């Protein structure tokens, strides 16, 4: 049986929970389109997060890798298009590191694009009634660090698809951030199940608009 590796992060930035791990952990050992889903938690730490991720990829030899992270303030499920080769941390990570204008991979390409069918995934989520969109930036914190590092590693494993999804706060987090949007854990879980199923099924992405004006 093929394996799908899905990752979430530990809490960071003063939050008590991280919605990515809260939901991703619920998918551990699920079977989707004949594949077993394995969930792993990543530390919200530059460098260490990639060490944990790469070790999991080496151990599991997955057919698909989907990394998931928190994007507090976003109102929908956002499937990331691109990761850039820079760490520029507005806040410190969970070990106090705060790199500024540092490359993730020295002499690596400026950017890596997701190898997932991102527009088909967004379309399938919307058809199921889940708010979703394509995102043009994964930021410059640990989420972008992980997405870039993941795609850099998978560039030598052309048969393995990979990418990154950002999710909103859970309602209990948004309660501490008046006015911030949120999404229920079960809705996020449904979206991630759809994302995995679509990524496993679709080889050629939809040619539909997913761009942004700013």
C-alpha atoms as a PDB file:
ATOM      1  CA  UNK A   1       0.000   0.000   0.000  1.00  0.00           C
ATOM      2  CA  UNK A   2       1.291   3.440  -0.948  1.00  0.00           C
ATOM      3  CA  UNK A   3       1.805   6.078   1.709  1.00  0.00           C
ATOM      4  CA  UNK A   4       0.784   9.722   1.942  1.00  0.00           C
ATOM      5  CA  UNK A   5       2.827  11.816   4.376  1.00  0.00           C
ATOM      6  CA  UNK A   6       0.988  14.773   5.864  1.00  0.00           C
ATOM      7  CA  UNK A   7       2.613  17.139   8.338  1.00  0.00           C
ATOM      8  CA  UNK A   8       1.461  19.805  10.776  1.00  0.00           C
ATOM      9  CA  UNK A   9       3.331  22.111  13.136  1.00  0.00           C
ATOM     10  CA  UNK A  10       3.603  22.482  16.872  1.00  0.00           C
ATOM     11  CA  UNK A  11       2.145  25.712  18.346  1.00  0.00           C
ATOM     12  CA  UNK A  12       4.127  28.929  17.920  1.00  0.00           C
ATOM     13  CA  UNK A  13       3.845  32.661  18.422  1.00  0.00           C
ATOM     14  CA  UNK A  14       2.166  32.386  21.810  1.00  0.00           C
ATOM     15  CA  UNK A  15      -0.684  30.128  20.643  1.00  0.00           C
ATOM     16  CA  UNK A  16      -1.622  27.159  22.806  1.00  0.00           C
ATOM     17  CA  UNK A  17      -2.516  24.976  19.834  1.00  0.00           C
ATOM     18  CA  UNK A  18      -1.676  24.837  16.146  1.00  0.00           C
ATOM     19  CA  UNK A  19      -4.696  24.056  13.943  1.00  0.00           C
ATOM     20  CA  UNK A  20      -2.483  22.267  11.432  1.00  0.00           C
ATOM     21  CA  UNK A  21      -1.470  19.578  13.916  1.00  0.00           C
ATOM     22  CA  UNK A  22      -4.880  19.500  15.589  1.00  0.00           C
ATOM     23  CA  UNK A  23      -6.441  18.458  12.278  1.00  0.00           C
ATOM     24  CA  UNK A  24      -3.568  16.592  10.626  1.00  0.00           C
ATOM     25  CA  UNK A  25      -3.210  14.277  13.616  1.00  0.00           C
ATOM     26  CA  UNK A  26      -6.816  13.157  13.088  1.00  0.00           C
ATOM     27  CA  UNK A  27      -5.892  11.849   9.629  1.00  0.00           C
ATOM     28  CA  UNK A  28      -3.158   9.512  10.882  1.00  0.00           C
ATOM     29  CA  UNK A  29      -3.783   5.959   9.561  1.00  0.00           C
ATOM     30  CA  UNK A  30      -6.712   7.058   7.377  1.00  0.00           C
ATOM     31  CA  UNK A  31      -7.069   5.287   4.034  1.00  0.00           C
ATOM     32  CA  UNK A  32      -7.666   7.602   1.066  1.00  0.00           C
ATOM     33  CA  UNK A  33      -7.855   6.205  -2.468  1.00  0.00           C
ATOM     34  CA  UNK A  34      -6.092   3.054  -1.329  1.00  0.00           C
ATOM     35  CA  UNK A  35      -3.209   4.929   0.316  1.00  0.00           C
ATOM     36  CA  UNK A  36      -2.380   4.993   4.020  1.00  0.00           C
ATOM     37  CA  UNK A  37      -2.014   8.463   5.503  1.00  0.00           C
ATOM     38  CA  UNK A  38       0.807   8.983   8.001  1.00  0.00           C
ATOM     39  CA  UNK A  39       0.805  12.171  10.067  1.00  0.00           C
ATOM     40  CA  UNK A  40       3.944  13.712  11.532  1.00  0.00           C
ATOM     41  CA  UNK A  41       4.422  16.836  13.640  1.00  0.00           C
ATOM     42  CA  UNK A  42       7.155  19.277  12.679  1.00  0.00           C
ATOM     43  CA  UNK A  43       8.853  21.657  15.114  1.00  0.00           C
ATOM     44  CA  UNK A  44       8.336  25.327  14.351  1.00  0.00           C
ATOM     45  CA  UNK A  45      12.087  25.742  14.110  1.00  0.00           C
ATOM     46  CA  UNK A  46      14.255  26.730  11.161  1.00  0.00           C
ATOM     47  CA  UNK A  47      16.500  23.864  10.069  1.00  0.00           C
ATOM     48  CA  UNK A  48      15.159  21.334  12.549  1.00  0.00           C
ATOM     49  CA  UNK A  49      11.775  21.266  10.811  1.00  0.00           C
ATOM     50  CA  UNK A  50      13.429  20.157   7.587  1.00  0.00           C
ATOM     51  CA  UNK A  51      15.550  17.546   9.352  1.00  0.00           C
ATOM     52  CA  UNK A  52      12.401  15.953  10.799  1.00  0.00           C
ATOM     53  CA  UNK A  53      10.560  16.187   7.476  1.00  0.00           C
ATOM     54  CA  UNK A  54      13.427  14.727   5.440  1.00  0.00           C
ATOM     55  CA  UNK A  55      13.841  11.851   7.885  1.00  0.00           C
ATOM     56  CA  UNK A  56      10.142  11.033   7.550  1.00  0.00           C
ATOM     57  CA  UNK A  57      10.353  11.093   3.751  1.00  0.00           C
ATOM     58  CA  UNK A  58      13.401   8.823   3.783  1.00  0.00           C
ATOM     59  CA  UNK A  59      11.719   6.387   6.190  1.00  0.00           C
ATOM     60  CA  UNK A  60       8.302   6.262   4.516  1.00  0.00           C
ATOM     61  CA  UNK A  61       9.077   6.706   0.784  1.00  0.00           C
ATOM     62  CA  UNK A  62       5.674   8.371   0.286  1.00  0.00           C
ATOM     63  CA  UNK A  63       3.901   8.856  -3.016  1.00  0.00           C
ATOM     64  CA  UNK A  64       2.626  12.251  -1.863  1.00  0.00           C
ATOM     65  CA  UNK A  65       3.776  14.771   0.749  1.00  0.00           C
ATOM     66  CA  UNK A  66       1.400  17.462   1.951  1.00  0.00           C
ATOM     67  CA  UNK A  67       2.664  19.968   4.518  1.00  0.00           C
ATOM     68  CA  UNK A  68       0.069  22.020   6.387  1.00  0.00           C
ATOM     69  CA  UNK A  69       0.512  25.175   8.431  1.00  0.00           C
ATOM     70  CA  UNK A  70      -1.402  27.886  10.296  1.00  0.00           C
ATOM     71  CA  UNK A  71      -2.153  31.199   8.614  1.00  0.00           C
ATOM     72  CA  UNK A  72      -3.929  33.251  11.256  1.00  0.00           C
ATOM     73  CA  UNK A  73      -5.951  35.982   9.583  1.00  0.00           C
ATOM     74  CA  UNK A  74      -6.723  34.075   6.402  1.00  0.00           C
ATOM     75  CA  UNK A  75     -10.380  33.193   5.949  1.00  0.00           C
ATOM     76  CA  UNK A  76     -10.173  30.151   3.703  1.00  0.00           C
ATOM     77  CA  UNK A  77      -8.067  27.106   2.863  1.00  0.00           C
ATOM     78  CA  UNK A  78      -5.157  28.405   0.808  1.00  0.00           C
ATOM     79  CA  UNK A  79      -3.202  26.076  -1.446  1.00  0.00           C
ATOM     80  CA  UNK A  80       0.266  27.509  -1.946  1.00  0.00           C
ATOM     81  CA  UNK A  81       1.671  27.943  -5.437  1.00  0.00           C
ATOM     82  CA  UNK A  82       5.312  28.816  -4.724  1.00  0.00           C
ATOM     83  CA  UNK A  83       8.032  28.858  -2.067  1.00  0.00           C
ATOM     84  CA  UNK A  84      10.979  31.260  -2.222  1.00  0.00           C
ATOM     85  CA  UNK A  85      14.564  30.682  -1.148  1.00  0.00           C
ATOM     86  CA  UNK A  86      14.698  33.097   1.765  1.00  0.00           C
ATOM     87  CA  UNK A  87      14.215  33.052   5.520  1.00  0.00           C
ATOM     88  CA  UNK A  88      13.178  36.482   6.804  1.00  0.00           C
ATOM     89  CA  UNK A  89      11.539  35.977  10.187  1.00  0.00           C
ATOM     90  CA  UNK A  90       9.289  38.708  11.597  1.00  0.00           C
ATOM     91  CA  UNK A  91       9.226  36.785  14.899  1.00  0.00           C
ATOM     92  CA  UNK A  92      11.579  34.250  16.450  1.00  0.00           C
ATOM     93  CA  UNK A  93      10.968  30.528  15.976  1.00  0.00           C
ATOM     94  CA  UNK A  94      10.444  28.191  18.923  1.00  0.00           C
ATOM     95  CA  UNK A  95      14.173  28.071  19.631  1.00  0.00           C
ATOM     96  CA  UNK A  96      14.697  31.798  19.468  1.00  0.00           C
ATOM     97  CA  UNK A  97      16.139  31.872  15.953  1.00  0.00           C
ATOM     98  CA  UNK A  98      15.216  34.859  13.808  1.00  0.00           C
ATOM     99  CA  UNK A  99      17.110  34.698  10.504  1.00  0.00           C
ATOM    100  CA  UNK A 100      16.953  37.742   8.259  1.00  0.00           C
ATOM    101  CA  UNK A 101      17.488  37.572   4.489  1.00  0.00           C
ATOM    102  CA  UNK A 102      19.144  34.160   4.697  1.00  0.00           C
ATOM    103  CA  UNK A 103      18.908  31.531   1.933  1.00  0.00           C
ATOM    104  CA  UNK A 104      17.214  28.265   2.819  1.00  0.00           C
ATOM    105  CA  UNK A 105      19.490  26.394   0.424  1.00  0.00           C
ATOM    106  CA  UNK A 106      22.774  28.090  -0.482  1.00  0.00           C
ATOM    107  CA  UNK A 107      22.988  28.396  -4.273  1.00  0.00           C
ATOM    108  CA  UNK A 108      19.497  26.862  -4.559  1.00  0.00           C
ATOM    109  CA  UNK A 109      17.028  28.186  -7.143  1.00  0.00           C
ATOM    110  CA  UNK A 110      15.155  31.371  -6.286  1.00  0.00           C
ATOM    111  CA  UNK A 111      11.879  29.480  -5.984  1.00  0.00           C
ATOM    112  CA  UNK A 112      10.204  26.091  -6.235  1.00  0.00           C
ATOM    113  CA  UNK A 113       6.645  25.635  -7.480  1.00  0.00           C
ATOM    114  CA  UNK A 114       4.236  23.145  -5.934  1.00  0.00           C
ATOM    115  CA  UNK A 115       3.951  19.890  -7.867  1.00  0.00           C
ATOM    116  CA  UNK A 116       0.371  19.385  -6.684  1.00  0.00           C
ATOM    117  CA  UNK A 117      -2.660  20.054  -8.937  1.00  0.00           C
ATOM    118  CA  UNK A 118      -3.369  23.181  -6.918  1.00  0.00           C
ATOM    119  CA  UNK A 119      -6.269  24.534  -8.979  1.00  0.00           C
ATOM    120  CA  UNK A 120      -8.000  21.170  -9.190  1.00  0.00           C
ATOM    121  CA  UNK A 121      -7.668  20.895  -5.407  1.00  0.00           C
ATOM    122  CA  UNK A 122      -9.196  24.335  -4.867  1.00  0.00           C
ATOM    123  CA  UNK A 123     -12.002  23.569  -7.311  1.00  0.00           C
ATOM    124  CA  UNK A 124     -12.828  20.277  -5.591  1.00  0.00           C
ATOM    125  CA  UNK A 125     -12.912  21.959  -2.176  1.00  0.00           C
ATOM    126  CA  UNK A 126     -15.224  24.696  -3.425  1.00  0.00           C
ATOM    127  CA  UNK A 127     -17.535  22.145  -5.011  1.00  0.00           C
ATOM    128  CA  UNK A 128     -17.797  20.514  -1.587  1.00  0.00           C
ATOM    129  CA  UNK A 129     -18.733  23.845  -0.033  1.00  0.00           C
ATOM    130  CA  UNK A 130     -15.356  24.585   1.563  1.00  0.00           C
ATOM    131  CA  UNK A 131     -13.952  28.117   1.055  1.00  0.00           C
ATOM    132  CA  UNK A 132     -10.607  27.743  -0.741  1.00  0.00           C
ATOM    133  CA  UNK A 133      -8.239  29.637  -3.003  1.00  0.00           C
ATOM    134  CA  UNK A 134      -4.760  29.577  -4.520  1.00  0.00           C
ATOM    135  CA  UNK A 135      -2.204  31.552  -2.513  1.00  0.00           C
ATOM    136  CA  UNK A 136       0.720  33.298  -4.174  1.00  0.00           C
ATOM    137  CA  UNK A 137       2.884  33.518  -1.045  1.00  0.00           C
ATOM    138  CA  UNK A 138       3.752  31.142   1.772  1.00  0.00           C
ATOM    139  CA  UNK A 139       5.420  34.001   3.666  1.00  0.00           C
ATOM    140  CA  UNK A 140       9.050  33.944   4.787  1.00  0.00           C
ATOM    141  CA  UNK A 141       8.721  32.141   8.123  1.00  0.00           C
ATOM    142  CA  UNK A 142       8.973  28.412   8.896  1.00  0.00           C
ATOM    143  CA  UNK A 143       6.060  27.456   6.612  1.00  0.00           C
ATOM    144  CA  UNK A 144       7.852  28.794   3.534  1.00  0.00           C
ATOM    145  CA  UNK A 145      11.081  27.267   4.870  1.00  0.00           C
ATOM    146  CA  UNK A 146       9.429  23.837   4.979  1.00  0.00           C
ATOM    147  CA  UNK A 147       7.702  24.189   1.615  1.00  0.00           C
ATOM    148  CA  UNK A 148      10.914  25.230  -0.120  1.00  0.00           C
ATOM    149  CA  UNK A 149      12.950  22.524   1.579  1.00  0.00           C
ATOM    150  CA  UNK A 150      10.326  19.898   0.770  1.00  0.00           C
ATOM    151  CA  UNK A 151      10.200  20.781  -2.915  1.00  0.00           C
ATOM    152  CA  UNK A 152      13.980  21.027  -3.102  1.00  0.00           C
ATOM    153  CA  UNK A 153      14.256  17.479  -1.763  1.00  0.00           C
ATOM    154  CA  UNK A 154      11.489  16.184  -4.026  1.00  0.00           C
ATOM    155  CA  UNK A 155      13.172  17.712  -7.078  1.00  0.00           C
ATOM    156  CA  UNK A 156      15.343  14.589  -7.055  1.00  0.00           C
ATOM    157  CA  UNK A 157      12.301  12.335  -6.642  1.00  0.00           C
ATOM    158  CA  UNK A 158      10.199  13.203  -9.672  1.00  0.00           C
ATOM    159  CA  UNK A 159       7.631  10.493  -8.958  1.00  0.00           C
ATOM    160  CA  UNK A 160       6.663  12.073  -5.616  1.00  0.00           C
ATOM    161  CA  UNK A 161       4.199  14.983  -5.532  1.00  0.00           C
ATOM    162  CA  UNK A 162       4.474  17.632  -2.853  1.00  0.00           C
ATOM    163  CA  UNK A 163       3.209  20.977  -1.706  1.00  0.00           C
ATOM    164  CA  UNK A 164       1.849  23.107   1.103  1.00  0.00           C
ATOM    165  CA  UNK A 165      -1.556  24.233   2.378  1.00  0.00           C
ATOM    166  CA  UNK A 166      -2.267  27.024   4.854  1.00  0.00           C
ATOM    167  CA  UNK A 167      -5.364  26.862   7.058  1.00  0.00           C
ATOM    168  CA  UNK A 168      -7.146  29.486   9.213  1.00  0.00           C
ATOM    169  CA  UNK A 169      -7.354  29.663  12.984  1.00  0.00           C
ATOM    170  CA  UNK A 170      -9.701  27.274  14.737  1.00  0.00           C
ATOM    171  CA  UNK A 171     -12.665  29.012  16.443  1.00  0.00           C
ATOM    172  CA  UNK A 172     -11.127  28.661  19.915  1.00  0.00           C
ATOM    173  CA  UNK A 173      -8.052  30.542  18.692  1.00  0.00           C
ATOM    174  CA  UNK A 174     -10.047  33.245  16.937  1.00  0.00           C
ATOM    175  CA  UNK A 175     -11.884  33.915  20.192  1.00  0.00           C
ATOM    176  CA  UNK A 176      -8.632  35.402  21.478  1.00  0.00           C
ATOM    177  CA  UNK A 177      -8.185  37.487  18.309  1.00  0.00           C
ATOM    178  CA  UNK A 178     -11.356  39.578  17.959  1.00  0.00           C
ATOM    179  CA  UNK A 179     -12.356  39.967  14.328  1.00  0.00           C
ATOM    180  CA  UNK A 180     -10.082  37.188  13.056  1.00  0.00           C
ATOM    181  CA  UNK A 181     -11.723  34.609  10.785  1.00  0.00           C
ATOM    182  CA  UNK A 182     -11.742  30.925  11.690  1.00  0.00           C
ATOM    183  CA  UNK A 183     -12.759  27.531  10.361  1.00  0.00           C
ATOM    184  CA  UNK A 184     -14.070  24.483  12.210  1.00  0.00           C
ATOM    185  CA  UNK A 185     -11.706  21.540  12.561  1.00  0.00           C
ATOM    186  CA  UNK A 186     -14.108  19.165  10.793  1.00  0.00           C
ATOM    187  CA  UNK A 187     -14.331  21.502   7.804  1.00  0.00           C
ATOM    188  CA  UNK A 188     -10.541  21.704   7.624  1.00  0.00           C
ATOM    189  CA  UNK A 189     -10.328  17.916   7.862  1.00  0.00           C
ATOM    190  CA  UNK A 190     -12.804  17.572   4.998  1.00  0.00           C
ATOM    191  CA  UNK A 191     -10.715  19.994   2.936  1.00  0.00           C
ATOM    192  CA  UNK A 192      -7.493  18.073   3.571  1.00  0.00           C
ATOM    193  CA  UNK A 193      -9.130  14.763   2.681  1.00  0.00           C
ATOM    194  CA  UNK A 194     -10.341  16.324  -0.578  1.00  0.00           C
ATOM    195  CA  UNK A 195      -6.871  17.763  -1.206  1.00  0.00           C
ATOM    196  CA  UNK A 196      -5.228  14.365  -0.784  1.00  0.00           C
ATOM    197  CA  UNK A 197      -7.799  12.555  -2.904  1.00  0.00           C
ATOM    198  CA  UNK A 198      -7.498  15.113  -5.685  1.00  0.00           C
ATOM    199  CA  UNK A 199      -3.703  15.125  -5.620  1.00  0.00           C
ATOM    200  CA  UNK A 200      -3.622  11.340  -5.900  1.00  0.00           C
ATOM    201  CA  UNK A 201      -6.136  11.292  -8.728  1.00  0.00           C
ATOM    202  CA  UNK A 202      -5.334  14.307 -10.917  1.00  0.00           C
ATOM    203  CA  UNK A 203      -2.206  14.266 -13.065  1.00  0.00           C
ATOM    204  CA  UNK A 204      -2.841  17.386 -15.172  1.00  0.00           C
ATOM    205  CA  UNK A 205      -4.028  20.483 -13.346  1.00  0.00           C
ATOM    206  CA  UNK A 206      -7.023  22.540 -14.408  1.00  0.00           C
ATOM    207  CA  UNK A 207      -6.366  25.571 -16.596  1.00  0.00           C
ATOM    208  CA  UNK A 208      -8.514  28.090 -14.747  1.00  0.00           C
ATOM    209  CA  UNK A 209      -7.762  31.434 -13.163  1.00  0.00           C
ATOM    210  CA  UNK A 210      -6.233  31.354  -9.724  1.00  0.00           C
ATOM    211  CA  UNK A 211      -4.186  34.527  -9.821  1.00  0.00           C
ATOM    212  CA  UNK A 212      -4.302  37.696  -7.772  1.00  0.00           C
ATOM    213  CA  UNK A 213      -4.107  41.389  -8.584  1.00  0.00           C
ATOM    214  CA  UNK A 214      -2.007  42.190  -5.503  1.00  0.00           C
END
